[in-house]
Protein backbone atom coordinates (compact mmCIF):
# COMPACT_ATOMS: atom_id res chain seq x y z
CA MET A 1 23.70 -6.70 -36.52
CA THR A 2 24.78 -4.24 -38.84
CA VAL A 3 23.50 -0.74 -38.87
CA HIS A 4 24.39 2.32 -40.68
CA ASN A 5 26.44 5.19 -39.14
CA THR A 6 26.60 8.10 -41.64
CA ARG A 7 29.68 9.40 -40.23
CA ASN A 8 31.82 6.17 -40.13
CA GLY A 9 29.40 4.11 -42.86
CA PRO A 10 28.61 0.34 -42.18
CA GLU A 11 29.36 -0.51 -37.79
CA ARG A 12 28.59 -4.10 -36.26
CA LEU A 13 26.51 -4.12 -33.07
CA GLY A 14 27.30 -6.11 -29.82
CA VAL A 15 24.05 -7.54 -30.30
CA PRO A 16 23.44 -11.19 -31.44
CA PRO A 17 21.43 -11.01 -34.68
CA ASP A 18 18.41 -13.49 -33.75
CA LEU A 19 18.32 -11.46 -30.37
CA PHE A 20 14.67 -10.22 -30.82
CA ASP A 21 13.34 -13.77 -32.10
CA ALA A 22 15.27 -15.77 -29.37
CA HIS A 23 14.12 -13.81 -26.74
CA PHE A 24 11.19 -11.55 -27.17
CA ALA A 25 8.33 -14.23 -26.49
CA GLU A 26 10.18 -14.81 -23.22
CA ILE A 27 10.66 -11.44 -21.82
CA HIS A 28 7.25 -10.38 -22.64
CA ARG A 29 6.06 -13.35 -20.76
CA TYR A 30 7.94 -11.92 -17.59
CA ILE A 31 7.26 -8.47 -17.90
CA ALA A 32 3.33 -10.05 -18.66
CA ARG A 33 3.65 -11.67 -15.11
CA ARG A 34 4.91 -8.64 -13.39
CA LEU A 35 2.47 -6.14 -14.68
CA SER A 36 -0.16 -6.60 -17.60
CA GLU A 37 -0.42 -8.05 -20.89
CA ASP A 38 -1.11 -4.58 -22.31
CA VAL A 39 1.73 -3.06 -20.46
CA ALA A 40 4.11 -5.82 -21.69
CA ASP A 41 3.15 -5.11 -25.40
CA ASP A 42 4.74 -1.61 -24.96
CA LEU A 43 7.84 -2.54 -22.16
CA ALA A 44 8.99 -6.00 -23.98
CA ALA A 45 9.75 -3.71 -27.28
CA ASP A 46 11.40 -1.30 -25.07
CA VAL A 47 13.80 -3.80 -23.73
CA PHE A 48 14.98 -4.41 -27.15
CA VAL A 49 14.78 -1.12 -28.36
CA ILE A 50 17.60 -0.37 -24.97
CA ALA A 51 19.66 -3.16 -26.11
CA VAL A 52 19.97 -2.56 -29.70
CA GLY A 53 20.74 0.93 -28.46
CA GLY A 54 23.25 0.40 -25.53
CA GLY A 55 24.90 -2.79 -27.39
CA TYR A 56 25.60 -5.90 -25.67
CA ASP A 57 29.09 -6.77 -24.35
CA PRO A 58 29.84 -10.58 -23.95
CA SER A 59 32.64 -10.28 -21.23
CA VAL A 60 29.92 -9.24 -18.58
CA GLY A 61 27.97 -12.54 -19.40
CA ALA A 62 25.17 -14.45 -21.09
CA VAL A 63 22.48 -12.05 -23.05
CA ARG A 64 19.39 -13.87 -21.80
CA PRO A 65 20.47 -12.16 -17.71
CA TRP A 66 21.35 -9.12 -19.44
CA LEU A 67 17.68 -8.56 -20.98
CA TYR A 68 16.00 -9.42 -17.66
CA GLY A 69 17.97 -6.90 -16.13
CA ILE A 70 16.91 -4.62 -19.20
CA ALA A 71 13.06 -5.79 -18.63
CA THR A 72 13.30 -5.54 -14.39
CA ASN A 73 14.84 -1.88 -14.63
CA LEU A 74 11.62 -0.75 -16.82
CA ILE A 75 9.29 -2.35 -15.00
CA ALA A 76 10.71 -0.38 -12.01
CA ARG A 77 10.49 2.67 -13.43
CA HIS A 78 6.76 1.70 -14.75
CA ARG A 79 5.72 1.40 -10.86
CA ARG A 80 7.35 4.18 -9.88
CA THR A 81 5.34 6.00 -12.84
CA GLU A 82 2.43 4.86 -11.85
CA ILE A 83 2.86 5.35 -7.70
CA ARG A 84 3.59 9.23 -8.53
CA ARG A 85 0.33 9.77 -10.49
CA TRP A 86 -1.76 8.53 -7.66
CA LYS A 87 0.01 10.68 -5.92
CA ALA A 88 -0.47 13.33 -7.88
CA ILE A 89 -4.38 13.07 -7.97
CA SER A 90 -4.34 12.66 -4.14
CA ARG A 91 -2.64 15.90 -3.94
CA SER A 92 -3.95 17.89 -6.66
CA ALA A 93 -7.40 16.92 -5.34
CA GLU A 94 -6.17 18.10 -1.96
CA ARG A 95 -6.03 21.55 -3.56
CA ASP A 96 -8.76 21.95 -5.51
CA GLY A 97 -11.15 25.00 -4.78
CA GLY A 98 -12.61 27.75 -6.17
CA GLY A 99 -15.87 28.72 -8.34
CA HIS A 100 -19.52 28.41 -7.86
CA GLU A 101 -20.96 27.72 -4.87
CA ASP A 102 -22.07 24.78 -5.93
CA GLU A 103 -19.79 23.76 -7.62
CA VAL A 104 -17.49 24.47 -4.65
CA LEU A 105 -19.65 22.55 -2.42
CA ASP A 106 -19.33 19.34 -4.94
CA ARG A 107 -15.55 19.51 -5.11
CA VAL A 108 -15.54 19.28 -1.35
CA SER A 109 -18.06 16.77 -0.65
CA ALA A 110 -15.94 14.68 -3.50
CA ALA A 111 -12.47 15.42 -2.25
CA ARG A 112 -13.36 14.66 1.11
CA PHE A 113 -12.01 11.09 -0.08
CA THR A 114 -10.44 11.56 -3.74
CA GLY A 115 -7.10 12.93 -2.16
CA PRO A 116 -6.89 10.84 0.74
CA LEU A 117 -7.95 7.75 -1.27
CA ALA A 118 -5.54 8.70 -4.02
CA GLY A 119 -2.91 8.29 -1.37
CA ALA A 120 -3.93 5.31 0.31
CA LEU A 121 -4.07 3.86 -2.89
CA ALA A 122 -0.50 5.31 -3.75
CA GLY A 123 0.53 3.02 -0.39
CA LEU A 124 -1.12 -0.72 -1.57
CA LYS A 125 1.51 -3.05 -3.05
CA GLN A 126 1.06 -3.71 -6.80
CA ARG A 127 -0.30 -6.59 -6.29
CA ASP A 128 -2.77 -5.06 -4.14
CA ARG A 129 -3.86 -2.13 -5.78
CA ASP A 130 -4.47 -3.74 -9.49
CA VAL A 131 -7.28 -6.28 -7.14
CA VAL A 132 -8.95 -3.00 -5.65
CA LEU A 133 -8.79 -1.02 -8.88
CA LEU A 134 -10.12 -4.02 -10.99
CA ILE A 135 -13.21 -4.46 -8.95
CA ALA A 136 -13.57 -0.69 -8.02
CA LEU A 137 -13.00 1.26 -11.16
CA GLY A 138 -13.34 -1.95 -13.29
CA GLY A 139 -16.23 -3.48 -12.09
CA LEU A 140 -14.73 -7.13 -12.49
CA SER A 141 -16.14 -9.69 -9.71
CA HIS A 142 -13.52 -11.87 -7.83
CA ALA A 143 -14.01 -14.61 -10.64
CA GLU A 144 -12.70 -12.27 -13.53
CA VAL A 145 -9.94 -10.64 -11.26
CA ALA A 146 -8.60 -13.87 -10.89
CA GLN A 147 -9.06 -14.78 -14.34
CA ALA A 148 -7.45 -11.17 -15.51
CA LEU A 149 -4.91 -11.47 -13.22
CA GLY A 150 -3.61 -15.27 -13.35
CA ILE A 151 -4.45 -15.90 -10.08
CA PRO A 152 -6.87 -18.13 -7.67
CA TYR A 153 -9.88 -16.99 -6.47
CA GLY A 154 -8.84 -17.15 -2.84
CA THR A 155 -5.75 -14.76 -3.45
CA VAL A 156 -8.26 -12.29 -5.16
CA ALA A 157 -10.08 -12.34 -1.81
CA SER A 158 -6.76 -12.25 0.07
CA ARG A 159 -5.62 -9.69 -1.74
CA LEU A 160 -8.77 -7.54 -1.50
CA SER A 161 -9.45 -8.22 2.23
CA ARG A 162 -5.54 -6.76 3.08
CA ALA A 163 -5.96 -3.70 0.53
CA ARG A 164 -9.51 -2.88 2.67
CA LYS A 165 -7.60 -2.61 5.80
CA HIS A 166 -5.03 -0.73 4.51
CA LEU A 167 -7.67 2.05 2.48
CA ARG A 168 -9.81 1.62 5.56
CA LYS A 169 -6.98 2.74 8.11
CA ALA A 170 -5.51 5.47 5.73
CA LEU A 171 -9.09 6.87 5.54
CA GLY A 172 -9.04 6.96 9.28
CA ASP A 173 -11.71 3.90 9.40
CA VAL A 174 -14.15 5.22 6.78
CA ASN A 175 -15.24 3.33 3.63
CA PRO A 176 -15.28 5.60 0.78
CA PHE A 177 -17.29 3.16 -1.75
CA LYS A 178 -20.14 2.69 0.70
CA GLU A 179 -20.27 5.59 3.65
CA GLY A 180 -21.37 8.56 1.10
CA PHE A 181 -19.00 9.21 -1.39
CA ASP A 182 -20.36 10.51 -4.51
CA GLY A 183 -17.50 10.92 -6.82
């Protein structure tokens, strides 16, 4: 692949010219299996932006494992960002307060679970968190979650059971989805 460098003229990058065509679908599938189809669209494109920008050194090995390495690093970064977001929600819910008396009472009632729940969600394994959030936030049935994640129905049930146990333990044996949770 040749690019034009404004200082030095044409410059050859160390990537095969058919890099995108030869490997995009495979890298996209890998990311979609690890995260989701929507996230895979963006991250797969990012893999190739990084690959073209960084160049490829054939002396380090084949291009395919190199692309998978870039993809794996981007997946890890994406997951860390998501966990930080859940933890931030947890912390901000604990700090929220002030305002009129009714507003304060509403916030205290909701924050009773919101902060700890966000923290507990951050502590779940990604695959378990995905099941919980698809059911709790998306309103999907077990069968729909199985279809959305491409996993067996029984796997949805076992992940949900494991996640509920973790969440109940983290919340002091309280289920915010059943015991007076208004938020």
